[in-house]
Amino acid sequence: MTAARTLLAAAAVLGALVITASSAAALSSDERSLLREMNRTRTAYGLPRLNIDRALQRAARAHSREMLRREWFAHGSVGPRFLRFGIRSPVLGENLAWGVGEDALPRVVVRSWLESPSHRRNLLDRSFRRVGVASAVGSFLGYADASVITTDFSGSEPSLSRP
């Protein structure tokens, strides 16, 4: 391999690392903690880790902020929302949560998702590889400092085997 090709290959790898690091750096500490807990759980089940997708991240943040602003907790029109953010994928999913204090901790949120069949299915879907993770904090339904959480998932093909 010539020196120019070696340098070009190294630059490409460095560019990929910078893109990945900048995507992760854009997450709040609450969002990073939730992503870490989700990936810890998926790894324990032998599943691939989730990676942040910018469009999914924008969609999740917009939804968490809207729920917080409207003091409303629901999925709403998921399909049109995903399309508005340019998300097109054969397999999509969404998990929501909200809590105050310890109920908003990532380990508690993920444990509650594991106890719910539909949330568990999304969290442990083998085809999901990309995710947007959002946590908006504020006054919600009479609680100060509530965390309103949205996780939006996408994958390439439906998973037939789920843990």
C-alpha atoms as a PDB file:
ATOM      1  CA  MET A   1       0.000   0.000   0.000  1.00  0.00           C
ATOM      2  CA  THR A   2       1.376   3.395  -0.932  1.00  0.00           C
ATOM      3  CA  ALA A   3       1.854   6.103   1.677  1.00  0.00           C
ATOM      4  CA  ALA A   4      -0.943   8.159   0.087  1.00  0.00           C
ATOM      5  CA  ARG A   5      -3.407   5.258   0.322  1.00  0.00           C
ATOM      6  CA  THR A   6      -2.408   4.564   3.930  1.00  0.00           C
ATOM      7  CA  LEU A   7      -2.935   8.219   4.802  1.00  0.00           C
ATOM      8  CA  LEU A   8      -6.307   8.239   2.996  1.00  0.00           C
ATOM      9  CA  ALA A   9      -7.444   5.083   4.823  1.00  0.00           C
ATOM     10  CA  ALA A  10      -6.372   6.550   8.172  1.00  0.00           C
ATOM     11  CA  ALA A  11      -8.248   9.783   7.401  1.00  0.00           C
ATOM     12  CA  ALA A  12     -11.397   7.819   6.553  1.00  0.00           C
ATOM     13  CA  VAL A  13     -11.233   5.914   9.835  1.00  0.00           C
ATOM     14  CA  LEU A  14     -10.580   9.116  11.767  1.00  0.00           C
ATOM     15  CA  GLY A  15     -13.523  10.779   9.976  1.00  0.00           C
ATOM     16  CA  ALA A  16     -15.822   7.914  10.999  1.00  0.00           C
ATOM     17  CA  LEU A  17     -14.640   8.181  14.592  1.00  0.00           C
ATOM     18  CA  VAL A  18     -15.195  11.931  14.647  1.00  0.00           C
ATOM     19  CA  ILE A  19     -18.739  11.560  13.277  1.00  0.00           C
ATOM     20  CA  THR A  20     -19.551   8.908  15.864  1.00  0.00           C
ATOM     21  CA  ALA A  21     -18.032  10.924  18.691  1.00  0.00           C
ATOM     22  CA  SER A  22     -19.812  14.127  17.669  1.00  0.00           C
ATOM     23  CA  SER A  23     -23.160  12.302  17.539  1.00  0.00           C
ATOM     24  CA  ALA A  24     -22.610  10.897  21.011  1.00  0.00           C
ATOM     25  CA  ALA A  25     -21.336  14.246  22.299  1.00  0.00           C
ATOM     26  CA  ALA A  26     -24.609  15.864  21.208  1.00  0.00           C
ATOM     27  CA  LEU A  27     -26.489  13.785  23.796  1.00  0.00           C
ATOM     28  CA  SER A  28     -27.242  15.175  27.232  1.00  0.00           C
ATOM     29  CA  SER A  29     -25.839  13.274  30.203  1.00  0.00           C
ATOM     30  CA  ASP A  30     -29.331  11.824  30.874  1.00  0.00           C
ATOM     31  CA  GLU A  31     -29.590  10.663  27.256  1.00  0.00           C
ATOM     32  CA  ARG A  32     -26.075   9.146  27.295  1.00  0.00           C
ATOM     33  CA  SER A  33     -26.913   7.283  30.511  1.00  0.00           C
ATOM     34  CA  LEU A  34     -30.134   5.913  29.040  1.00  0.00           C
ATOM     35  CA  LEU A  35     -28.383   4.803  25.840  1.00  0.00           C
ATOM     36  CA  ARG A  36     -25.662   3.109  27.932  1.00  0.00           C
ATOM     37  CA  GLU A  37     -28.293   1.251  29.982  1.00  0.00           C
ATOM     38  CA  MET A  38     -30.206   0.192  26.867  1.00  0.00           C
ATOM     39  CA  ASN A  39     -27.009  -1.116  25.267  1.00  0.00           C
ATOM     40  CA  ARG A  40     -25.932  -2.846  28.495  1.00  0.00           C
ATOM     41  CA  THR A  41     -29.275  -4.666  28.499  1.00  0.00           C
ATOM     42  CA  ARG A  42     -29.107  -5.558  24.799  1.00  0.00           C
ATOM     43  CA  THR A  43     -25.544  -6.853  25.219  1.00  0.00           C
ATOM     44  CA  ALA A  44     -26.696  -9.046  28.129  1.00  0.00           C
ATOM     45  CA  TYR A  45     -29.204 -10.627  25.712  1.00  0.00           C
ATOM     46  CA  GLY A  46     -26.556 -11.121  23.002  1.00  0.00           C
ATOM     47  CA  LEU A  47     -27.996  -8.358  20.815  1.00  0.00           C
ATOM     48  CA  PRO A  48     -26.148  -5.713  18.821  1.00  0.00           C
ATOM     49  CA  ARG A  49     -25.675  -2.289  20.355  1.00  0.00           C
ATOM     50  CA  LEU A  50     -27.831   0.630  19.276  1.00  0.00           C
ATOM     51  CA  ASN A  51     -26.191   3.597  17.558  1.00  0.00           C
ATOM     52  CA  ILE A  52     -27.492   7.140  17.568  1.00  0.00           C
ATOM     53  CA  ASP A  53     -29.133   8.244  14.333  1.00  0.00           C
ATOM     54  CA  ARG A  54     -29.394  12.019  13.872  1.00  0.00           C
ATOM     55  CA  ALA A  55     -32.867  12.009  12.300  1.00  0.00           C
ATOM     56  CA  LEU A  56     -34.225   9.668  14.985  1.00  0.00           C
ATOM     57  CA  GLN A  57     -32.575  11.857  17.618  1.00  0.00           C
ATOM     58  CA  ARG A  58     -34.284  14.986  16.281  1.00  0.00           C
ATOM     59  CA  ALA A  59     -37.654  13.203  16.116  1.00  0.00           C
ATOM     60  CA  ALA A  60     -37.340  11.839  19.663  1.00  0.00           C
ATOM     61  CA  ARG A  61     -36.336  15.225  21.066  1.00  0.00           C
ATOM     62  CA  ALA A  62     -39.165  17.010  19.302  1.00  0.00           C
ATOM     63  CA  HIS A  63     -41.666  14.503  20.684  1.00  0.00           C
ATOM     64  CA  SER A  64     -40.368  14.657  24.268  1.00  0.00           C
ATOM     65  CA  ARG A  65     -40.400  18.460  24.171  1.00  0.00           C
ATOM     66  CA  GLU A  66     -43.920  18.522  22.731  1.00  0.00           C
ATOM     67  CA  MET A  67     -45.224  16.130  25.392  1.00  0.00           C
ATOM     68  CA  LEU A  68     -43.587  18.227  28.107  1.00  0.00           C
ATOM     69  CA  ARG A  69     -44.922  21.505  26.676  1.00  0.00           C
ATOM     70  CA  ARG A  70     -48.469  20.167  26.190  1.00  0.00           C
ATOM     71  CA  GLU A  71     -48.437  18.092  29.403  1.00  0.00           C
ATOM     72  CA  TRP A  72     -49.587  15.181  27.287  1.00  0.00           C
ATOM     73  CA  PHE A  73     -48.215  11.630  27.291  1.00  0.00           C
ATOM     74  CA  ALA A  74     -48.900   9.580  24.155  1.00  0.00           C
ATOM     75  CA  HIS A  75     -47.254   8.331  20.984  1.00  0.00           C
ATOM     76  CA  GLY A  76     -49.466  10.471  18.765  1.00  0.00           C
ATOM     77  CA  SER A  77     -49.061  10.153  15.003  1.00  0.00           C
ATOM     78  CA  VAL A  78     -45.758   8.281  14.886  1.00  0.00           C
ATOM     79  CA  GLY A  79     -45.691   7.571  11.128  1.00  0.00           C
ATOM     80  CA  PRO A  80     -46.250  11.160   9.990  1.00  0.00           C
ATOM     81  CA  ARG A  81     -43.791  12.419  12.633  1.00  0.00           C
ATOM     82  CA  PHE A  82     -41.086  10.043  11.396  1.00  0.00           C
ATOM     83  CA  LEU A  83     -41.720  11.114   7.786  1.00  0.00           C
ATOM     84  CA  ARG A  84     -41.506  14.799   8.788  1.00  0.00           C
ATOM     85  CA  PHE A  85     -37.972  14.119  10.058  1.00  0.00           C
ATOM     86  CA  GLY A  86     -36.995  12.167   6.928  1.00  0.00           C
ATOM     87  CA  ILE A  87     -37.075   8.765   8.633  1.00  0.00           C
ATOM     88  CA  ARG A  88     -37.899   5.951   6.255  1.00  0.00           C
ATOM     89  CA  SER A  89     -37.265   2.420   7.385  1.00  0.00           C
ATOM     90  CA  PRO A  90     -39.039  -0.924   6.985  1.00  0.00           C
ATOM     91  CA  VAL A  91     -39.110  -1.399  10.762  1.00  0.00           C
ATOM     92  CA  LEU A  92     -39.760   1.357  13.293  1.00  0.00           C
ATOM     93  CA  GLY A  93     -40.605   1.438  16.987  1.00  0.00           C
ATOM     94  CA  GLU A  94     -41.002   3.829  19.873  1.00  0.00           C
ATOM     95  CA  ASN A  95     -40.837   3.554  23.654  1.00  0.00           C
ATOM     96  CA  LEU A  96     -41.988   6.324  25.978  1.00  0.00           C
ATOM     97  CA  ALA A  97     -41.546   6.865  29.699  1.00  0.00           C
ATOM     98  CA  TRP A  98     -41.801   9.615  32.232  1.00  0.00           C
ATOM     99  CA  GLY A  99     -40.848   9.841  35.845  1.00  0.00           C
ATOM    100  CA  VAL A 100     -39.641  11.937  38.724  1.00  0.00           C
ATOM    101  CA  GLY A 101     -36.601  11.270  40.913  1.00  0.00           C
ATOM    102  CA  GLU A 102     -35.634   7.601  41.048  1.00  0.00           C
ATOM    103  CA  ASP A 103     -38.442   6.675  38.643  1.00  0.00           C
ATOM    104  CA  ALA A 104     -36.580   8.614  35.932  1.00  0.00           C
ATOM    105  CA  LEU A 105     -33.260   6.790  36.426  1.00  0.00           C
ATOM    106  CA  PRO A 106     -32.156   4.868  33.300  1.00  0.00           C
ATOM    107  CA  ARG A 107     -32.000   1.507  35.117  1.00  0.00           C
ATOM    108  CA  VAL A 108     -35.565   1.989  36.402  1.00  0.00           C
ATOM    109  CA  VAL A 109     -36.871   3.100  32.988  1.00  0.00           C
ATOM    110  CA  VAL A 110     -35.234   0.164  31.181  1.00  0.00           C
ATOM    111  CA  ARG A 111     -36.440  -2.297  33.841  1.00  0.00           C
ATOM    112  CA  SER A 112     -40.013  -1.013  33.403  1.00  0.00           C
ATOM    113  CA  TRP A 113     -39.711  -1.446  29.631  1.00  0.00           C
ATOM    114  CA  LEU A 114     -38.506  -5.016  30.121  1.00  0.00           C
ATOM    115  CA  GLU A 115     -41.610  -5.729  32.220  1.00  0.00           C
ATOM    116  CA  SER A 116     -43.972  -4.514  29.472  1.00  0.00           C
ATOM    117  CA  PRO A 117     -44.339  -6.910  26.495  1.00  0.00           C
ATOM    118  CA  SER A 118     -44.589  -4.218  23.789  1.00  0.00           C
ATOM    119  CA  HIS A 119     -41.757  -2.094  25.210  1.00  0.00           C
ATOM    120  CA  ARG A 120     -39.595  -5.186  25.746  1.00  0.00           C
ATOM    121  CA  ARG A 121     -40.197  -6.208  22.124  1.00  0.00           C
ATOM    122  CA  ASN A 122     -38.885  -2.837  20.904  1.00  0.00           C
ATOM    123  CA  LEU A 123     -35.906  -2.725  23.260  1.00  0.00           C
ATOM    124  CA  LEU A 124     -34.823  -6.263  22.401  1.00  0.00           C
ATOM    125  CA  ASP A 125     -35.689  -6.325  18.699  1.00  0.00           C
ATOM    126  CA  ARG A 126     -32.646  -7.778  16.937  1.00  0.00           C
ATOM    127  CA  SER A 127     -33.285  -5.771  13.760  1.00  0.00           C
ATOM    128  CA  PHE A 128     -33.126  -2.411  15.535  1.00  0.00           C
ATOM    129  CA  ARG A 129     -29.662  -0.917  15.105  1.00  0.00           C
ATOM    130  CA  ARG A 130     -30.342   2.835  15.153  1.00  0.00           C
ATOM    131  CA  VAL A 131     -32.019   4.909  17.839  1.00  0.00           C
ATOM    132  CA  GLY A 132     -32.859   8.424  18.942  1.00  0.00           C
ATOM    133  CA  VAL A 133     -32.883   8.946  22.713  1.00  0.00           C
ATOM    134  CA  ALA A 134     -34.474  12.043  24.240  1.00  0.00           C
ATOM    135  CA  SER A 135     -35.062  13.183  27.783  1.00  0.00           C
ATOM    136  CA  ALA A 136     -36.801  16.518  28.319  1.00  0.00           C
ATOM    137  CA  VAL A 137     -36.932  17.778  31.912  1.00  0.00           C
ATOM    138  CA  GLY A 138     -39.427  20.233  33.346  1.00  0.00           C
ATOM    139  CA  SER A 139     -42.795  20.646  35.003  1.00  0.00           C
ATOM    140  CA  PHE A 140     -45.098  17.848  33.872  1.00  0.00           C
ATOM    141  CA  LEU A 141     -48.574  16.896  35.077  1.00  0.00           C
ATOM    142  CA  GLY A 142     -48.046  18.748  38.351  1.00  0.00           C
ATOM    143  CA  TYR A 143     -44.550  17.378  39.057  1.00  0.00           C
ATOM    144  CA  ALA A 144     -41.491  19.621  39.038  1.00  0.00           C
ATOM    145  CA  ASP A 145     -38.340  18.280  37.353  1.00  0.00           C
ATOM    146  CA  ALA A 146     -40.082  15.386  35.617  1.00  0.00           C
ATOM    147  CA  SER A 147     -38.211  13.565  32.833  1.00  0.00           C
ATOM    148  CA  VAL A 148     -40.220  12.839  29.698  1.00  0.00           C
ATOM    149  CA  ILE A 149     -38.432  10.212  27.602  1.00  0.00           C
ATOM    150  CA  THR A 150     -38.812   9.153  23.979  1.00  0.00           C
ATOM    151  CA  THR A 151     -36.756   6.459  22.258  1.00  0.00           C
ATOM    152  CA  ASP A 152     -37.290   6.022  18.524  1.00  0.00           C
ATOM    153  CA  PHE A 153     -35.893   2.878  16.885  1.00  0.00           C
ATOM    154  CA  SER A 154     -35.309   1.828  13.287  1.00  0.00           C
ATOM    155  CA  GLY A 155     -34.107  -1.358  11.697  1.00  0.00           C
ATOM    156  CA  SER A 156     -33.593  -2.914   8.321  1.00  0.00           C
ATOM    157  CA  GLU A 157     -35.873  -5.931   8.458  1.00  0.00           C
ATOM    158  CA  PRO A 158     -38.511  -7.409  10.748  1.00  0.00           C
ATOM    159  CA  SER A 159     -37.095  -9.639  13.455  1.00  0.00           C
ATOM    160  CA  LEU A 160     -38.731 -13.044  13.788  1.00  0.00           C
ATOM    161  CA  SER A 161     -36.831 -14.076  16.892  1.00  0.00           C
ATOM    162  CA  ARG A 162     -37.094 -11.916  19.953  1.00  0.00           C
ATOM    163  CA  PRO A 163     -35.796 -12.698  23.406  1.00  0.00           C
END
